[in-house]
Amino acid sequence: MAESSRDRILGEALRLFGEQGYAGTSIAQIEKAAGLSPGSGALYRHFKSKDELLVQALQARVLDRGQWAQFLAPDFSVRAMLDLVAPDSDIIDRLMMLCRIGLQRLDHDRDVTRILLRDNTAPQDALEVARRDEHLVVLSVLSRGLAELAGPDRGDEDWDALAVVIQAAVAHYWLVSDVFGGEHPSTIDTDRYLRAIAEMVAARLKAPVAEAIRT
């Protein structure tokens, strides 16, 4: 089935916004990339404005769950998934696996990530879509997963805050690597970086209850 003009516009607009920035991309450039006559205004037959185009392009991409749909479901169990796919793995390997899933999702949403983290010209409506439909969904799943891995006797822990720390660490590594053409300037490879995150998080998960409460 042939891709519609609207879908081509959404895809090409998101790519250009990611590569050039929202403010640096013109309607004519998007029309040309989508196979329309540049400067003709044909884009406006599908979208009222450039802002509306960005909002809908972001929403279409972040809601394209694909292989990640199972991970982002409200009833998804991190522990059950890890027990199934890596039953003999230790806590470090399990946490690395979760971080790697996050990196893969960032790669899938490459242009979205660039817009959110490298472009301060995106309108507020677009940021709200990303916050509501991606950021908070991922944090919710990660927080529940940490609680599962820690066990029921650690119910008073602030897993939401730890989830934010993990998400920020993974996203920052991805972003800096992307800025430098795909390789982190520190030359620390992905496995070493993710292992460092996993070891720190594992220490928190294994901390005695009394110590965890004090911290």
N, C-alpha and C. Protein backbone atom coordinates (compact mmCIF):
# COMPACT_ATOMS: atom_id res chain seq x y z
N MET A 1 0.85 -1.20 0.00
CA MET A 1 0.00 0.00 0.00
C MET A 1 0.88 1.24 0.00
N ALA A 2 0.65 2.13 -0.96
CA ALA A 2 1.47 3.32 -1.12
C ALA A 2 1.31 4.26 0.06
N GLU A 3 2.42 4.91 0.45
CA GLU A 3 2.38 5.86 1.55
C GLU A 3 1.63 7.11 1.12
N SER A 4 0.76 7.60 1.95
CA SER A 4 -0.02 8.78 1.63
C SER A 4 0.84 10.04 1.72
N SER A 5 0.36 11.11 1.08
CA SER A 5 1.08 12.39 1.15
C SER A 5 1.20 12.86 2.59
N ARG A 6 0.14 12.66 3.35
CA ARG A 6 0.15 13.09 4.75
C ARG A 6 1.23 12.35 5.54
N ASP A 7 1.33 11.04 5.33
CA ASP A 7 2.34 10.26 6.05
C ASP A 7 3.74 10.65 5.62
N ARG A 8 3.93 10.93 4.33
CA ARG A 8 5.25 11.37 3.86
C ARG A 8 5.62 12.70 4.51
N ILE A 9 4.66 13.60 4.62
CA ILE A 9 4.92 14.89 5.25
C ILE A 9 5.32 14.70 6.71
N LEU A 10 4.58 13.85 7.42
CA LEU A 10 4.89 13.60 8.83
C LEU A 10 6.31 13.05 8.99
N GLY A 11 6.65 12.07 8.19
CA GLY A 11 7.96 11.44 8.29
C GLY A 11 9.09 12.38 7.93
N GLU A 12 8.95 13.09 6.82
CA GLU A 12 10.01 13.99 6.37
C GLU A 12 10.13 15.21 7.28
N ALA A 13 9.01 15.70 7.78
CA ALA A 13 9.05 16.85 8.68
C ALA A 13 9.81 16.48 9.96
N LEU A 14 9.52 15.32 10.52
CA LEU A 14 10.19 14.91 11.75
C LEU A 14 11.69 14.74 11.51
N ARG A 15 12.05 14.16 10.37
CA ARG A 15 13.47 13.99 10.05
C ARG A 15 14.18 15.34 9.93
N LEU A 16 13.56 16.27 9.22
CA LEU A 16 14.17 17.58 9.04
C LEU A 16 14.23 18.36 10.35
N PHE A 17 13.17 18.28 11.14
CA PHE A 17 13.18 18.96 12.44
C PHE A 17 14.32 18.40 13.31
N GLY A 18 14.52 17.09 13.24
CA GLY A 18 15.58 16.47 14.03
C GLY A 18 16.96 16.87 13.54
N GLU A 19 17.13 16.99 12.24
CA GLU A 19 18.44 17.30 11.66
C GLU A 19 18.76 18.79 11.71
N GLN A 20 17.76 19.63 11.46
CA GLN A 20 18.00 21.06 11.28
C GLN A 20 17.44 21.93 12.41
N GLY A 21 16.61 21.32 13.26
CA GLY A 21 15.93 22.10 14.28
C GLY A 21 14.57 22.56 13.76
N TYR A 22 13.67 22.80 14.71
CA TYR A 22 12.31 23.20 14.32
C TYR A 22 12.32 24.57 13.64
N ALA A 23 12.96 25.55 14.25
CA ALA A 23 12.97 26.90 13.67
C ALA A 23 13.76 26.95 12.37
N GLY A 24 14.74 26.06 12.22
CA GLY A 24 15.58 26.07 11.03
C GLY A 24 15.01 25.33 9.85
N THR A 25 13.82 24.79 9.97
CA THR A 25 13.20 24.02 8.88
C THR A 25 12.00 24.78 8.34
N SER A 26 11.98 24.99 7.05
CA SER A 26 10.88 25.74 6.43
C SER A 26 9.82 24.81 5.87
N ILE A 27 8.64 25.36 5.68
CA ILE A 27 7.55 24.60 5.07
C ILE A 27 7.94 24.15 3.67
N ALA A 28 8.61 25.01 2.93
CA ALA A 28 9.02 24.66 1.57
C ALA A 28 9.98 23.47 1.56
N GLN A 29 10.88 23.42 2.53
CA GLN A 29 11.81 22.29 2.62
C GLN A 29 11.06 20.99 2.90
N ILE A 30 10.07 21.07 3.76
CA ILE A 30 9.29 19.87 4.08
C ILE A 30 8.51 19.42 2.85
N GLU A 31 7.91 20.35 2.16
CA GLU A 31 7.15 20.00 0.95
C GLU A 31 8.04 19.34 -0.08
N LYS A 32 9.23 19.89 -0.29
CA LYS A 32 10.15 19.31 -1.27
C LYS A 32 10.55 17.89 -0.87
N ALA A 33 10.90 17.70 0.42
CA ALA A 33 11.32 16.38 0.90
C ALA A 33 10.20 15.36 0.79
N ALA A 34 8.94 15.83 0.92
CA ALA A 34 7.79 14.92 0.86
C ALA A 34 7.30 14.69 -0.56
N GLY A 35 8.01 15.25 -1.55
CA GLY A 35 7.63 15.04 -2.94
C GLY A 35 6.55 15.98 -3.44
N LEU A 36 6.33 17.07 -2.72
CA LEU A 36 5.36 18.08 -3.14
C LEU A 36 6.10 19.26 -3.76
N SER A 37 5.37 20.10 -4.42
CA SER A 37 5.98 21.29 -5.03
C SER A 37 6.37 22.27 -3.93
N PRO A 38 7.68 22.55 -3.77
CA PRO A 38 8.10 23.44 -2.68
C PRO A 38 7.56 24.86 -2.84
N GLY A 39 7.01 25.38 -1.76
CA GLY A 39 6.45 26.73 -1.79
C GLY A 39 5.04 26.81 -2.30
N SER A 40 4.45 25.66 -2.63
CA SER A 40 3.09 25.66 -3.19
C SER A 40 2.01 25.80 -2.12
N GLY A 41 2.37 25.53 -0.88
CA GLY A 41 1.39 25.54 0.19
C GLY A 41 0.58 24.25 0.27
N ALA A 42 1.01 23.21 -0.48
CA ALA A 42 0.27 21.95 -0.49
C ALA A 42 0.22 21.31 0.90
N LEU A 43 1.22 21.60 1.70
CA LEU A 43 1.26 21.03 3.06
C LEU A 43 0.04 21.45 3.87
N TYR A 44 -0.45 22.64 3.61
CA TYR A 44 -1.57 23.17 4.41
C TYR A 44 -2.90 22.50 4.09
N ARG A 45 -2.92 21.65 3.08
CA ARG A 45 -4.13 20.84 2.85
C ARG A 45 -4.26 19.75 3.90
N HIS A 46 -3.15 19.45 4.59
CA HIS A 46 -3.14 18.39 5.60
C HIS A 46 -2.97 18.91 7.02
N PHE A 47 -2.31 20.05 7.17
CA PHE A 47 -2.03 20.59 8.50
C PHE A 47 -2.25 22.10 8.48
N LYS A 48 -2.85 22.60 9.55
CA LYS A 48 -3.18 24.02 9.62
C LYS A 48 -1.95 24.90 9.78
N SER A 49 -0.93 24.37 10.44
CA SER A 49 0.25 25.18 10.72
C SER A 49 1.46 24.27 10.92
N LYS A 50 2.62 24.89 10.98
CA LYS A 50 3.85 24.16 11.25
C LYS A 50 3.83 23.59 12.67
N ASP A 51 3.27 24.34 13.61
CA ASP A 51 3.15 23.84 14.99
C ASP A 51 2.30 22.57 15.04
N GLU A 52 1.16 22.59 14.36
CA GLU A 52 0.29 21.42 14.36
C GLU A 52 1.00 20.23 13.71
N LEU A 53 1.76 20.49 12.67
CA LEU A 53 2.51 19.43 12.01
C LEU A 53 3.49 18.78 12.98
N LEU A 54 4.24 19.59 13.73
CA LEU A 54 5.20 19.03 14.67
C LEU A 54 4.50 18.21 15.75
N VAL A 55 3.42 18.72 16.29
CA VAL A 55 2.69 18.00 17.33
C VAL A 55 2.23 16.65 16.82
N GLN A 56 1.66 16.61 15.63
CA GLN A 56 1.14 15.35 15.10
C GLN A 56 2.27 14.41 14.69
N ALA A 57 3.38 14.97 14.21
CA ALA A 57 4.52 14.13 13.85
C ALA A 57 5.12 13.47 15.09
N LEU A 58 5.26 14.24 16.16
CA LEU A 58 5.77 13.68 17.41
C LEU A 58 4.83 12.61 17.95
N GLN A 59 3.54 12.90 17.94
CA GLN A 59 2.58 11.94 18.48
C GLN A 59 2.58 10.65 17.67
N ALA A 60 2.65 10.78 16.36
CA ALA A 60 2.66 9.57 15.52
C ALA A 60 3.88 8.71 15.82
N ARG A 61 5.04 9.35 16.05
CA ARG A 61 6.24 8.58 16.29
C ARG A 61 6.25 7.95 17.68
N VAL A 62 5.92 8.70 18.72
CA VAL A 62 6.01 8.12 20.06
C VAL A 62 4.93 7.08 20.30
N LEU A 63 3.80 7.18 19.59
CA LEU A 63 2.75 6.18 19.74
C LEU A 63 2.98 4.96 18.85
N ASP A 64 4.03 5.03 18.02
CA ASP A 64 4.42 3.88 17.21
C ASP A 64 5.24 2.95 18.10
N ARG A 65 4.57 2.21 18.95
CA ARG A 65 5.25 1.41 19.96
C ARG A 65 6.05 0.25 19.36
N GLY A 66 5.49 -0.37 18.32
CA GLY A 66 6.20 -1.47 17.70
C GLY A 66 6.58 -2.54 18.71
N GLN A 67 7.85 -2.96 18.67
CA GLN A 67 8.33 -4.02 19.55
C GLN A 67 8.36 -3.60 21.02
N TRP A 68 8.24 -2.27 21.26
CA TRP A 68 8.26 -1.77 22.64
C TRP A 68 6.88 -1.74 23.28
N ALA A 69 5.85 -2.08 22.53
CA ALA A 69 4.49 -2.01 23.06
C ALA A 69 4.34 -2.83 24.33
N GLN A 70 4.94 -4.02 24.35
CA GLN A 70 4.79 -4.89 25.52
C GLN A 70 5.44 -4.26 26.76
N PHE A 71 6.56 -3.57 26.57
CA PHE A 71 7.26 -2.98 27.71
C PHE A 71 6.50 -1.78 28.30
N LEU A 72 5.74 -1.10 27.46
CA LEU A 72 5.07 0.11 27.90
C LEU A 72 3.62 -0.12 28.30
N ALA A 73 3.18 -1.36 28.29
CA ALA A 73 1.81 -1.66 28.71
C ALA A 73 1.66 -1.45 30.21
N PRO A 74 0.48 -0.97 30.66
CA PRO A 74 0.27 -0.69 32.09
C PRO A 74 0.48 -1.89 33.00
N ASP A 75 0.22 -3.10 32.49
CA ASP A 75 0.34 -4.28 33.34
C ASP A 75 1.63 -5.07 33.08
N PHE A 76 2.59 -4.44 32.38
CA PHE A 76 3.84 -5.13 32.06
C PHE A 76 4.65 -5.40 33.33
N SER A 77 5.21 -6.60 33.43
CA SER A 77 6.04 -6.97 34.56
C SER A 77 7.48 -7.13 34.10
N VAL A 78 8.36 -6.26 34.60
CA VAL A 78 9.77 -6.33 34.26
C VAL A 78 10.37 -7.66 34.74
N ARG A 79 10.06 -8.03 35.98
CA ARG A 79 10.63 -9.27 36.53
C ARG A 79 10.19 -10.49 35.72
N ALA A 80 8.93 -10.54 35.34
CA ALA A 80 8.44 -11.68 34.57
C ALA A 80 9.13 -11.76 33.22
N MET A 81 9.32 -10.61 32.58
CA MET A 81 10.00 -10.59 31.29
C MET A 81 11.44 -11.08 31.43
N LEU A 82 12.15 -10.60 32.45
CA LEU A 82 13.54 -10.99 32.64
C LEU A 82 13.65 -12.46 33.03
N ASP A 83 12.71 -12.94 33.82
CA ASP A 83 12.70 -14.36 34.18
C ASP A 83 12.52 -15.24 32.95
N LEU A 84 11.78 -14.70 31.97
CA LEU A 84 11.51 -15.47 30.75
C LEU A 84 12.70 -15.45 29.79
N VAL A 85 13.26 -14.27 29.53
CA VAL A 85 14.29 -14.15 28.50
C VAL A 85 15.71 -14.35 29.03
N ALA A 86 15.91 -14.14 30.33
CA ALA A 86 17.25 -14.30 30.91
C ALA A 86 17.15 -14.89 32.30
N PRO A 87 16.67 -16.12 32.41
CA PRO A 87 16.38 -16.71 33.73
C PRO A 87 17.61 -16.88 34.62
N ASP A 88 18.78 -17.04 34.03
CA ASP A 88 19.99 -17.30 34.82
C ASP A 88 20.87 -16.06 34.99
N SER A 89 20.38 -14.90 34.57
CA SER A 89 21.19 -13.69 34.64
C SER A 89 21.18 -13.10 36.05
N ASP A 90 22.27 -12.39 36.40
CA ASP A 90 22.31 -11.73 37.70
C ASP A 90 21.71 -10.34 37.59
N ILE A 91 21.64 -9.63 38.72
CA ILE A 91 20.96 -8.34 38.75
C ILE A 91 21.67 -7.31 37.86
N ILE A 92 23.00 -7.40 37.77
CA ILE A 92 23.74 -6.46 36.92
C ILE A 92 23.35 -6.64 35.46
N ASP A 93 23.36 -7.88 35.00
CA ASP A 93 23.00 -8.16 33.61
C ASP A 93 21.56 -7.76 33.33
N ARG A 94 20.69 -7.95 34.29
CA ARG A 94 19.28 -7.60 34.10
C ARG A 94 19.10 -6.08 33.97
N LEU A 95 19.79 -5.35 34.81
CA LEU A 95 19.70 -3.89 34.73
C LEU A 95 20.33 -3.36 33.44
N MET A 96 21.42 -3.96 33.02
CA MET A 96 22.03 -3.57 31.74
C MET A 96 21.06 -3.81 30.59
N MET A 97 20.34 -4.93 30.65
CA MET A 97 19.38 -5.25 29.61
C MET A 97 18.28 -4.18 29.54
N LEU A 98 17.82 -3.73 30.70
CA LEU A 98 16.79 -2.69 30.73
C LEU A 98 17.33 -1.38 30.15
N CYS A 99 18.56 -1.02 30.51
CA CYS A 99 19.16 0.20 29.97
C CYS A 99 19.34 0.10 28.46
N ARG A 100 19.70 -1.08 28.00
CA ARG A 100 19.90 -1.25 26.55
C ARG A 100 18.57 -1.12 25.80
N ILE A 101 17.49 -1.60 26.39
CA ILE A 101 16.17 -1.41 25.78
C ILE A 101 15.88 0.08 25.66
N GLY A 102 16.25 0.85 26.69
CA GLY A 102 16.07 2.29 26.64
C GLY A 102 16.86 2.94 25.52
N LEU A 103 18.11 2.53 25.33
CA LEU A 103 18.92 3.07 24.23
C LEU A 103 18.31 2.74 22.88
N GLN A 104 17.80 1.54 22.74
CA GLN A 104 17.17 1.14 21.49
C GLN A 104 15.94 1.99 21.20
N ARG A 105 15.18 2.28 22.24
CA ARG A 105 14.00 3.14 22.05
C ARG A 105 14.42 4.55 21.65
N LEU A 106 15.50 5.07 22.24
CA LEU A 106 16.01 6.39 21.86
C LEU A 106 16.46 6.40 20.40
N ASP A 107 17.06 5.31 19.96
CA ASP A 107 17.45 5.22 18.55
C ASP A 107 16.23 5.23 17.64
N HIS A 108 15.20 4.49 18.04
CA HIS A 108 13.97 4.46 17.25
C HIS A 108 13.35 5.84 17.17
N ASP A 109 13.41 6.58 18.26
CA ASP A 109 12.85 7.93 18.33
C ASP A 109 13.93 9.00 18.12
N ARG A 110 14.93 8.69 17.29
CA ARG A 110 16.10 9.56 17.15
C ARG A 110 15.73 11.02 16.91
N ASP A 111 14.86 11.28 15.96
CA ASP A 111 14.52 12.67 15.64
C ASP A 111 13.73 13.32 16.77
N VAL A 112 12.86 12.54 17.41
CA VAL A 112 12.11 13.06 18.56
C VAL A 112 13.08 13.46 19.66
N THR A 113 14.05 12.59 19.94
CA THR A 113 15.02 12.86 21.00
C THR A 113 15.83 14.11 20.68
N ARG A 114 16.23 14.24 19.44
CA ARG A 114 17.00 15.43 19.04
C ARG A 114 16.18 16.70 19.24
N ILE A 115 14.92 16.64 18.87
CA ILE A 115 14.06 17.82 19.02
C ILE A 115 13.90 18.19 20.49
N LEU A 116 13.69 17.18 21.33
CA LEU A 116 13.44 17.44 22.74
C LEU A 116 14.69 17.88 23.48
N LEU A 117 15.84 17.30 23.15
CA LEU A 117 17.04 17.54 23.93
C LEU A 117 18.02 18.52 23.31
N ARG A 118 17.86 18.80 22.02
CA ARG A 118 18.83 19.68 21.37
C ARG A 118 18.20 20.93 20.77
N ASP A 119 16.89 21.02 20.77
CA ASP A 119 16.21 22.12 20.09
C ASP A 119 15.26 22.81 21.07
N ASN A 120 15.57 24.07 21.40
CA ASN A 120 14.72 24.79 22.36
C ASN A 120 13.67 25.66 21.67
N THR A 121 13.42 25.38 20.39
CA THR A 121 12.43 26.18 19.65
C THR A 121 11.10 25.45 19.48
N ALA A 122 11.02 24.21 19.94
CA ALA A 122 9.77 23.44 19.77
C ALA A 122 8.66 24.05 20.60
N PRO A 123 7.44 24.15 20.07
CA PRO A 123 6.31 24.72 20.81
C PRO A 123 5.91 23.86 22.00
N GLN A 124 5.26 24.48 22.97
CA GLN A 124 4.89 23.80 24.21
C GLN A 124 3.96 22.62 23.98
N ASP A 125 3.05 22.74 23.03
CA ASP A 125 2.12 21.64 22.75
C ASP A 125 2.87 20.37 22.34
N ALA A 126 3.95 20.54 21.58
CA ALA A 126 4.74 19.39 21.16
C ALA A 126 5.46 18.77 22.35
N LEU A 127 6.00 19.60 23.21
CA LEU A 127 6.68 19.10 24.39
C LEU A 127 5.71 18.33 25.30
N GLU A 128 4.49 18.79 25.38
CA GLU A 128 3.49 18.13 26.21
C GLU A 128 3.18 16.74 25.69
N VAL A 129 3.11 16.59 24.36
CA VAL A 129 2.88 15.27 23.77
C VAL A 129 3.99 14.31 24.19
N ALA A 130 5.23 14.76 24.07
CA ALA A 130 6.36 13.90 24.43
C ALA A 130 6.36 13.59 25.93
N ARG A 131 6.03 14.57 26.74
CA ARG A 131 6.00 14.35 28.19
C ARG A 131 4.93 13.33 28.56
N ARG A 132 3.73 13.50 28.01
CA ARG A 132 2.59 12.67 28.39
C ARG A 132 2.65 11.27 27.78
N ASP A 133 2.98 11.19 26.50
CA ASP A 133 2.85 9.93 25.77
C ASP A 133 4.12 9.09 25.74
N GLU A 134 5.25 9.67 26.15
CA GLU A 134 6.50 8.90 26.13
C GLU A 134 7.21 8.97 27.48
N HIS A 135 7.57 10.18 27.87
CA HIS A 135 8.41 10.34 29.06
C HIS A 135 7.77 9.74 30.31
N LEU A 136 6.54 10.12 30.61
CA LEU A 136 5.89 9.64 31.83
C LEU A 136 5.54 8.16 31.74
N VAL A 137 5.24 7.68 30.54
CA VAL A 137 4.93 6.26 30.36
C VAL A 137 6.16 5.42 30.67
N VAL A 138 7.31 5.82 30.11
CA VAL A 138 8.55 5.09 30.34
C VAL A 138 8.94 5.12 31.82
N LEU A 139 8.82 6.29 32.44
CA LEU A 139 9.18 6.40 33.85
C LEU A 139 8.30 5.51 34.73
N SER A 140 7.03 5.44 34.39
CA SER A 140 6.12 4.61 35.17
C SER A 140 6.52 3.14 35.12
N VAL A 141 6.83 2.66 33.91
CA VAL A 141 7.23 1.26 33.75
C VAL A 141 8.55 1.00 34.47
N LEU A 142 9.51 1.91 34.33
CA LEU A 142 10.81 1.73 34.95
C LEU A 142 10.70 1.73 36.48
N SER A 143 9.88 2.63 37.02
CA SER A 143 9.70 2.70 38.46
C SER A 143 9.07 1.40 39.00
N ARG A 144 8.06 0.91 38.31
CA ARG A 144 7.45 -0.36 38.73
C ARG A 144 8.45 -1.50 38.65
N GLY A 145 9.28 -1.48 37.60
CA GLY A 145 10.29 -2.52 37.44
C GLY A 145 11.31 -2.52 38.56
N LEU A 146 11.74 -1.34 38.97
CA LEU A 146 12.69 -1.25 40.08
C LEU A 146 12.07 -1.80 41.37
N ALA A 147 10.81 -1.48 41.59
CA ALA A 147 10.12 -1.98 42.78
C ALA A 147 10.03 -3.51 42.74
N GLU A 148 9.76 -4.07 41.58
CA GLU A 148 9.69 -5.53 41.44
C GLU A 148 11.04 -6.17 41.73
N LEU A 149 12.11 -5.58 41.19
CA LEU A 149 13.44 -6.15 41.36
C LEU A 149 13.92 -6.02 42.80
N ALA A 150 13.51 -4.97 43.50
CA ALA A 150 13.94 -4.77 44.88
C ALA A 150 13.22 -5.70 45.85
N GLY A 151 11.96 -6.02 45.54
CA GLY A 151 11.21 -6.91 46.41
C GLY A 151 10.19 -6.17 47.26
N PRO A 152 9.22 -6.89 47.82
CA PRO A 152 8.08 -6.27 48.52
C PRO A 152 8.44 -5.58 49.83
N ASP A 153 9.59 -5.90 50.42
CA ASP A 153 9.94 -5.28 51.70
C ASP A 153 10.54 -3.89 51.53
N ARG A 154 10.60 -3.40 50.30
CA ARG A 154 11.18 -2.08 50.04
C ARG A 154 10.12 -1.15 49.46
N GLY A 155 8.90 -1.29 49.93
CA GLY A 155 7.78 -0.55 49.36
C GLY A 155 7.82 0.94 49.59
N ASP A 156 8.59 1.39 50.59
CA ASP A 156 8.62 2.83 50.90
C ASP A 156 9.70 3.59 50.12
N GLU A 157 10.44 2.90 49.29
CA GLU A 157 11.52 3.54 48.53
C GLU A 157 10.96 4.50 47.49
N ASP A 158 11.74 5.51 47.16
CA ASP A 158 11.35 6.47 46.12
C ASP A 158 11.86 5.98 44.76
N TRP A 159 11.17 4.98 44.22
CA TRP A 159 11.60 4.40 42.95
C TRP A 159 11.38 5.37 41.79
N ASP A 160 10.41 6.27 41.93
CA ASP A 160 10.19 7.26 40.87
C ASP A 160 11.43 8.12 40.65
N ALA A 161 12.04 8.56 41.73
CA ALA A 161 13.24 9.40 41.62
C ALA A 161 14.39 8.62 41.01
N LEU A 162 14.57 7.36 41.44
CA LEU A 162 15.65 6.55 40.88
C LEU A 162 15.41 6.29 39.39
N ALA A 163 14.15 6.10 39.01
CA ALA A 163 13.82 5.90 37.60
C ALA A 163 14.22 7.13 36.77
N VAL A 164 13.99 8.32 37.31
CA VAL A 164 14.39 9.55 36.61
C VAL A 164 15.91 9.60 36.45
N VAL A 165 16.65 9.22 37.49
CA VAL A 165 18.11 9.22 37.42
C VAL A 165 18.60 8.27 36.32
N ILE A 166 18.03 7.07 36.27
CA ILE A 166 18.43 6.09 35.26
C ILE A 166 18.11 6.60 33.86
N GLN A 167 16.89 7.10 33.70
CA GLN A 167 16.48 7.60 32.39
C GLN A 167 17.39 8.74 31.94
N ALA A 168 17.73 9.64 32.85
CA ALA A 168 18.59 10.77 32.51
C ALA A 168 19.98 10.29 32.12
N ALA A 169 20.51 9.31 32.84
CA ALA A 169 21.85 8.81 32.55
C ALA A 169 21.91 8.15 31.16
N VAL A 170 20.91 7.35 30.86
CA VAL A 170 20.88 6.67 29.55
C VAL A 170 20.68 7.68 28.43
N ALA A 171 19.75 8.63 28.62
CA ALA A 171 19.48 9.62 27.59
C ALA A 171 20.68 10.53 27.35
N HIS A 172 21.39 10.89 28.42
CA HIS A 172 22.56 11.77 28.26
C HIS A 172 23.66 11.07 27.47
N TYR A 173 23.89 9.80 27.75
CA TYR A 173 24.90 9.06 26.99
C TYR A 173 24.52 9.02 25.51
N TRP A 174 23.25 8.73 25.24
CA TRP A 174 22.79 8.69 23.86
C TRP A 174 22.97 10.05 23.19
N LEU A 175 22.57 11.11 23.88
CA LEU A 175 22.61 12.45 23.30
C LEU A 175 24.03 12.88 22.99
N VAL A 176 24.93 12.73 23.94
CA VAL A 176 26.32 13.15 23.72
C VAL A 176 26.95 12.33 22.59
N SER A 177 26.67 11.04 22.56
CA SER A 177 27.18 10.20 21.45
C SER A 177 26.63 10.68 20.12
N ASP A 178 25.35 11.05 20.09
CA ASP A 178 24.73 11.53 18.85
C ASP A 178 25.37 12.84 18.40
N VAL A 179 25.64 13.74 19.34
CA VAL A 179 26.27 15.02 19.01
C VAL A 179 27.64 14.79 18.37
N PHE A 180 28.35 13.78 18.86
CA PHE A 180 29.70 13.51 18.38
C PHE A 180 29.73 12.43 17.29
N GLY A 181 28.64 12.31 16.56
CA GLY A 181 28.62 11.43 15.39
C GLY A 181 28.46 9.96 15.67
N GLY A 182 28.00 9.61 16.88
CA GLY A 182 27.72 8.21 17.17
C GLY A 182 28.67 7.56 18.17
N GLU A 183 29.77 8.24 18.52
CA GLU A 183 30.71 7.69 19.50
C GLU A 183 30.88 8.67 20.65
N HIS A 184 30.76 8.18 21.87
CA HIS A 184 30.89 9.07 23.02
C HIS A 184 32.31 9.63 23.10
N PRO A 185 32.47 10.94 23.33
CA PRO A 185 33.80 11.55 23.32
C PRO A 185 34.73 11.00 24.39
N SER A 186 34.17 10.39 25.43
CA SER A 186 35.01 9.81 26.48
C SER A 186 35.69 8.53 26.01
N THR A 187 35.22 7.97 24.89
CA THR A 187 35.62 6.66 24.35
C THR A 187 35.17 5.50 25.24
N ILE A 188 34.35 5.78 26.26
CA ILE A 188 33.76 4.70 27.06
C ILE A 188 32.66 4.06 26.23
N ASP A 189 32.80 2.77 25.94
CA ASP A 189 31.81 2.14 25.06
C ASP A 189 30.51 1.86 25.81
N THR A 190 29.52 1.46 25.05
CA THR A 190 28.18 1.29 25.61
C THR A 190 28.14 0.27 26.74
N ASP A 191 28.81 -0.87 26.57
CA ASP A 191 28.78 -1.90 27.60
C ASP A 191 29.37 -1.40 28.92
N ARG A 192 30.50 -0.70 28.84
CA ARG A 192 31.13 -0.18 30.07
C ARG A 192 30.23 0.83 30.76
N TYR A 193 29.61 1.70 29.96
CA TYR A 193 28.75 2.74 30.53
C TYR A 193 27.52 2.12 31.20
N LEU A 194 26.87 1.22 30.50
CA LEU A 194 25.67 0.60 31.05
C LEU A 194 25.99 -0.25 32.27
N ARG A 195 27.16 -0.89 32.27
CA ARG A 195 27.55 -1.67 33.45
C ARG A 195 27.75 -0.76 34.66
N ALA A 196 28.33 0.42 34.43
CA ALA A 196 28.52 1.36 35.54
C ALA A 196 27.18 1.79 36.13
N ILE A 197 26.22 2.08 35.24
CA ILE A 197 24.88 2.43 35.73
C ILE A 197 24.28 1.25 36.51
N ALA A 198 24.37 0.06 35.92
CA ALA A 198 23.76 -1.12 36.53
C ALA A 198 24.36 -1.42 37.90
N GLU A 199 25.66 -1.26 38.04
CA GLU A 199 26.31 -1.54 39.33
C GLU A 199 25.84 -0.56 40.40
N MET A 200 25.71 0.72 40.04
CA MET A 200 25.24 1.71 41.01
C MET A 200 23.79 1.44 41.42
N VAL A 201 22.95 1.11 40.44
CA VAL A 201 21.54 0.85 40.74
C VAL A 201 21.41 -0.44 41.55
N ALA A 202 22.20 -1.45 41.20
CA ALA A 202 22.15 -2.71 41.94
C ALA A 202 22.52 -2.52 43.40
N ALA A 203 23.51 -1.65 43.66
CA ALA A 203 23.89 -1.37 45.04
C ALA A 203 22.72 -0.76 45.80
N ARG A 204 21.95 0.07 45.14
CA ARG A 204 20.77 0.67 45.76
C ARG A 204 19.70 -0.39 46.01
N LEU A 205 19.50 -1.24 45.03
CA LEU A 205 18.47 -2.27 45.18
C LEU A 205 18.81 -3.26 46.29
N LYS A 206 20.10 -3.49 46.49
CA LYS A 206 20.52 -4.47 47.49
C LYS A 206 20.76 -3.86 48.86
N ALA A 207 20.65 -2.54 48.97
CA ALA A 207 20.94 -1.87 50.24
C ALA A 207 20.00 -2.37 51.32
N PRO A 208 20.49 -2.53 52.55
CA PRO A 208 19.60 -2.91 53.67
C PRO A 208 18.47 -1.91 53.82
N VAL A 209 17.32 -2.37 54.26
CA VAL A 209 16.15 -1.52 54.37
C VAL A 209 16.43 -0.29 55.22
N ALA A 210 17.06 -0.46 56.38
CA ALA A 210 17.32 0.67 57.28
C ALA A 210 18.20 1.70 56.60
N GLU A 211 19.24 1.25 55.90
CA GLU A 211 20.14 2.17 55.19
C GLU A 211 19.41 2.90 54.10
N ALA A 212 18.55 2.17 53.37
CA ALA A 212 17.80 2.79 52.29
C ALA A 212 16.90 3.89 52.81
N ILE A 213 16.27 3.68 53.99
CA ILE A 213 15.39 4.69 54.56
C ILE A 213 16.17 5.93 54.95
N ARG A 214 17.39 5.75 55.51
CA ARG A 214 18.19 6.90 55.92
C ARG A 214 18.62 7.73 54.73
N THR A 215 18.85 7.09 53.58
CA THR A 215 19.31 7.82 52.41
C THR A 215 18.17 8.37 51.59
